[in-house]
Amino acid sequence: MSMMKRATKIINSTEMLRIFRASVLAAISCGSSQRAWAESAKIDPGYMSRMLNGEAPINQKALDALGYEKVVTITYREKEK
Protein backbone atom coordinates (compact mmCIF):
# COMPACT_ATOMS: atom_id res chain seq x y z
CA MET A 1 0.00 0.00 0.00
CA SER A 2 1.54 3.30 -1.04
CA MET A 3 1.43 6.32 1.21
CA MET A 4 0.29 9.44 -0.60
CA LYS A 5 1.37 12.73 0.83
CA ARG A 6 -1.47 15.12 1.55
CA ALA A 7 -1.39 18.38 -0.40
CA THR A 8 -0.38 21.31 1.78
CA LYS A 9 -2.20 24.61 1.55
CA ILE A 10 0.04 27.64 2.04
CA ILE A 11 -1.69 30.54 3.78
CA ASN A 12 -0.51 34.06 4.53
CA SER A 13 -0.24 35.77 7.91
CA THR A 14 -3.63 37.48 7.52
CA GLU A 15 -5.38 34.15 7.00
CA MET A 16 -3.44 32.60 9.91
CA LEU A 17 -4.60 35.43 12.17
CA ARG A 18 -8.21 34.78 11.05
CA ILE A 19 -7.84 31.06 11.85
CA PHE A 20 -6.28 31.88 15.24
CA ARG A 21 -9.07 34.30 16.16
CA ALA A 22 -11.75 31.82 15.03
CA SER A 23 -10.24 29.08 17.19
CA VAL A 24 -10.22 31.29 20.27
CA LEU A 25 -13.78 32.50 19.59
CA ALA A 26 -14.96 28.91 19.16
CA ALA A 27 -13.50 28.02 22.55
CA ILE A 28 -15.19 31.04 24.13
CA SER A 29 -18.55 30.14 22.57
CA CYS A 30 -18.22 26.66 24.14
CA GLY A 31 -17.90 28.17 27.61
CA SER A 32 -14.14 28.52 27.82
CA SER A 33 -12.19 31.79 27.89
CA GLN A 34 -9.34 33.51 26.11
CA ARG A 35 -7.20 33.03 29.21
CA ALA A 36 -8.02 29.31 29.36
CA TRP A 37 -7.06 28.90 25.68
CA ALA A 38 -3.79 30.70 26.35
CA GLU A 39 -3.01 28.61 29.41
CA SER A 40 -3.82 25.33 27.62
CA ALA A 41 -1.31 26.31 24.90
CA LYS A 42 1.19 27.54 27.53
CA ILE A 43 1.06 31.10 26.16
CA ASP A 44 1.26 34.22 28.30
CA PRO A 45 -2.29 35.70 28.26
CA GLY A 46 -0.93 39.21 27.68
CA TYR A 47 1.10 38.09 24.67
CA MET A 48 -1.91 36.18 23.36
CA SER A 49 -3.96 39.36 23.52
CA ARG A 50 -1.28 41.13 21.47
CA MET A 51 -1.32 38.30 18.91
CA LEU A 52 -5.12 38.43 18.63
CA ASN A 53 -4.95 42.19 18.06
CA GLY A 54 -2.32 41.75 15.34
CA GLU A 55 0.28 43.62 17.42
CA ALA A 56 2.62 40.62 17.75
CA PRO A 57 3.40 37.70 15.45
CA ILE A 58 1.68 34.39 16.11
CA ASN A 59 4.23 32.36 18.05
CA GLN A 60 5.20 28.69 17.75
CA LYS A 61 3.13 27.61 20.75
CA ALA A 62 -0.03 29.02 19.17
CA LEU A 63 0.84 27.43 15.83
CA ASP A 64 1.38 24.07 17.58
CA ALA A 65 -2.01 24.36 19.30
CA LEU A 66 -3.64 25.07 15.93
CA GLY A 67 -1.75 22.32 14.10
CA TYR A 68 0.23 24.64 11.82
CA GLU A 69 3.89 25.36 11.21
CA LYS A 70 5.67 28.46 9.96
CA VAL A 71 7.27 28.25 6.53
CA VAL A 72 9.67 31.01 5.58
CA THR A 73 10.26 31.87 1.93
CA ILE A 74 13.02 34.19 0.79
CA THR A 75 12.62 36.28 -2.34
CA TYR A 76 15.06 38.64 -4.00
CA ARG A 77 14.72 41.70 -6.18
CA GLU A 78 16.98 44.16 -7.88
CA LYS A 79 17.71 47.33 -5.89
CA GLU A 80 16.02 50.50 -6.97
CA LYS A 81 18.46 53.07 -8.33
C-alpha atoms as a PDB file:
ATOM      1  CA  MET A   1       0.000   0.000   0.000  1.00  0.00           C
ATOM      2  CA  SER A   2       1.536   3.299  -1.041  1.00  0.00           C
ATOM      3  CA  MET A   3       1.433   6.315   1.211  1.00  0.00           C
ATOM      4  CA  MET A   4       0.285   9.438  -0.603  1.00  0.00           C
ATOM      5  CA  LYS A   5       1.368  12.734   0.826  1.00  0.00           C
ATOM      6  CA  ARG A   6      -1.467  15.119   1.553  1.00  0.00           C
ATOM      7  CA  ALA A   7      -1.386  18.384  -0.399  1.00  0.00           C
ATOM      8  CA  THR A   8      -0.383  21.313   1.777  1.00  0.00           C
ATOM      9  CA  LYS A   9      -2.197  24.605   1.551  1.00  0.00           C
ATOM     10  CA  ILE A  10       0.040  27.637   2.041  1.00  0.00           C
ATOM     11  CA  ILE A  11      -1.688  30.538   3.781  1.00  0.00           C
ATOM     12  CA  ASN A  12      -0.508  34.060   4.530  1.00  0.00           C
ATOM     13  CA  SER A  13      -0.242  35.767   7.906  1.00  0.00           C
ATOM     14  CA  THR A  14      -3.632  37.484   7.516  1.00  0.00           C
ATOM     15  CA  GLU A  15      -5.380  34.150   6.999  1.00  0.00           C
ATOM     16  CA  MET A  16      -3.436  32.601   9.908  1.00  0.00           C
ATOM     17  CA  LEU A  17      -4.600  35.427  12.169  1.00  0.00           C
ATOM     18  CA  ARG A  18      -8.211  34.782  11.051  1.00  0.00           C
ATOM     19  CA  ILE A  19      -7.844  31.060  11.853  1.00  0.00           C
ATOM     20  CA  PHE A  20      -6.278  31.880  15.236  1.00  0.00           C
ATOM     21  CA  ARG A  21      -9.066  34.299  16.162  1.00  0.00           C
ATOM     22  CA  ALA A  22     -11.745  31.822  15.025  1.00  0.00           C
ATOM     23  CA  SER A  23     -10.240  29.084  17.189  1.00  0.00           C
ATOM     24  CA  VAL A  24     -10.222  31.285  20.272  1.00  0.00           C
ATOM     25  CA  LEU A  25     -13.779  32.502  19.593  1.00  0.00           C
ATOM     26  CA  ALA A  26     -14.955  28.907  19.157  1.00  0.00           C
ATOM     27  CA  ALA A  27     -13.497  28.021  22.553  1.00  0.00           C
ATOM     28  CA  ILE A  28     -15.189  31.039  24.127  1.00  0.00           C
ATOM     29  CA  SER A  29     -18.554  30.136  22.569  1.00  0.00           C
ATOM     30  CA  CYS A  30     -18.217  26.660  24.140  1.00  0.00           C
ATOM     31  CA  GLY A  31     -17.900  28.167  27.605  1.00  0.00           C
ATOM     32  CA  SER A  32     -14.137  28.520  27.818  1.00  0.00           C
ATOM     33  CA  SER A  33     -12.189  31.791  27.891  1.00  0.00           C
ATOM     34  CA  GLN A  34      -9.339  33.513  26.111  1.00  0.00           C
ATOM     35  CA  ARG A  35      -7.202  33.035  29.215  1.00  0.00           C
ATOM     36  CA  ALA A  36      -8.020  29.310  29.362  1.00  0.00           C
ATOM     37  CA  TRP A  37      -7.064  28.901  25.680  1.00  0.00           C
ATOM     38  CA  ALA A  38      -3.786  30.702  26.347  1.00  0.00           C
ATOM     39  CA  GLU A  39      -3.010  28.610  29.414  1.00  0.00           C
ATOM     40  CA  SER A  40      -3.819  25.330  27.618  1.00  0.00           C
ATOM     41  CA  ALA A  41      -1.308  26.307  24.900  1.00  0.00           C
ATOM     42  CA  LYS A  42       1.194  27.544  27.528  1.00  0.00           C
ATOM     43  CA  ILE A  43       1.064  31.099  26.161  1.00  0.00           C
ATOM     44  CA  ASP A  44       1.260  34.220  28.305  1.00  0.00           C
ATOM     45  CA  PRO A  45      -2.291  35.699  28.257  1.00  0.00           C
ATOM     46  CA  GLY A  46      -0.928  39.209  27.681  1.00  0.00           C
ATOM     47  CA  TYR A  47       1.095  38.094  24.672  1.00  0.00           C
ATOM     48  CA  MET A  48      -1.907  36.182  23.363  1.00  0.00           C
ATOM     49  CA  SER A  49      -3.962  39.363  23.520  1.00  0.00           C
ATOM     50  CA  ARG A  50      -1.284  41.130  21.473  1.00  0.00           C
ATOM     51  CA  MET A  51      -1.315  38.297  18.909  1.00  0.00           C
ATOM     52  CA  LEU A  52      -5.119  38.430  18.627  1.00  0.00           C
ATOM     53  CA  ASN A  53      -4.949  42.188  18.059  1.00  0.00           C
ATOM     54  CA  GLY A  54      -2.323  41.753  15.340  1.00  0.00           C
ATOM     55  CA  GLU A  55       0.282  43.622  17.419  1.00  0.00           C
ATOM     56  CA  ALA A  56       2.618  40.615  17.755  1.00  0.00           C
ATOM     57  CA  PRO A  57       3.401  37.702  15.450  1.00  0.00           C
ATOM     58  CA  ILE A  58       1.683  34.392  16.115  1.00  0.00           C
ATOM     59  CA  ASN A  59       4.229  32.357  18.053  1.00  0.00           C
ATOM     60  CA  GLN A  60       5.205  28.690  17.755  1.00  0.00           C
ATOM     61  CA  LYS A  61       3.132  27.613  20.752  1.00  0.00           C
ATOM     62  CA  ALA A  62      -0.034  29.022  19.166  1.00  0.00           C
ATOM     63  CA  LEU A  63       0.837  27.430  15.826  1.00  0.00           C
ATOM     64  CA  ASP A  64       1.383  24.075  17.576  1.00  0.00           C
ATOM     65  CA  ALA A  65      -2.009  24.357  19.299  1.00  0.00           C
ATOM     66  CA  LEU A  66      -3.641  25.069  15.931  1.00  0.00           C
ATOM     67  CA  GLY A  67      -1.749  22.317  14.105  1.00  0.00           C
ATOM     68  CA  TYR A  68       0.234  24.639  11.824  1.00  0.00           C
ATOM     69  CA  GLU A  69       3.889  25.359  11.212  1.00  0.00           C
ATOM     70  CA  LYS A  70       5.674  28.455   9.964  1.00  0.00           C
ATOM     71  CA  VAL A  71       7.270  28.248   6.527  1.00  0.00           C
ATOM     72  CA  VAL A  72       9.674  31.014   5.576  1.00  0.00           C
ATOM     73  CA  THR A  73      10.264  31.866   1.926  1.00  0.00           C
ATOM     74  CA  ILE A  74      13.015  34.194   0.795  1.00  0.00           C
ATOM     75  CA  THR A  75      12.622  36.279  -2.336  1.00  0.00           C
ATOM     76  CA  TYR A  76      15.064  38.642  -4.002  1.00  0.00           C
ATOM     77  CA  ARG A  77      14.719  41.696  -6.182  1.00  0.00           C
ATOM     78  CA  GLU A  78      16.976  44.160  -7.878  1.00  0.00           C
ATOM     79  CA  LYS A  79      17.712  47.328  -5.894  1.00  0.00           C
ATOM     80  CA  GLU A  80      16.021  50.503  -6.968  1.00  0.00           C
ATOM     81  CA  LYS A  81      18.456  53.066  -8.333  1.00  0.00           C
END
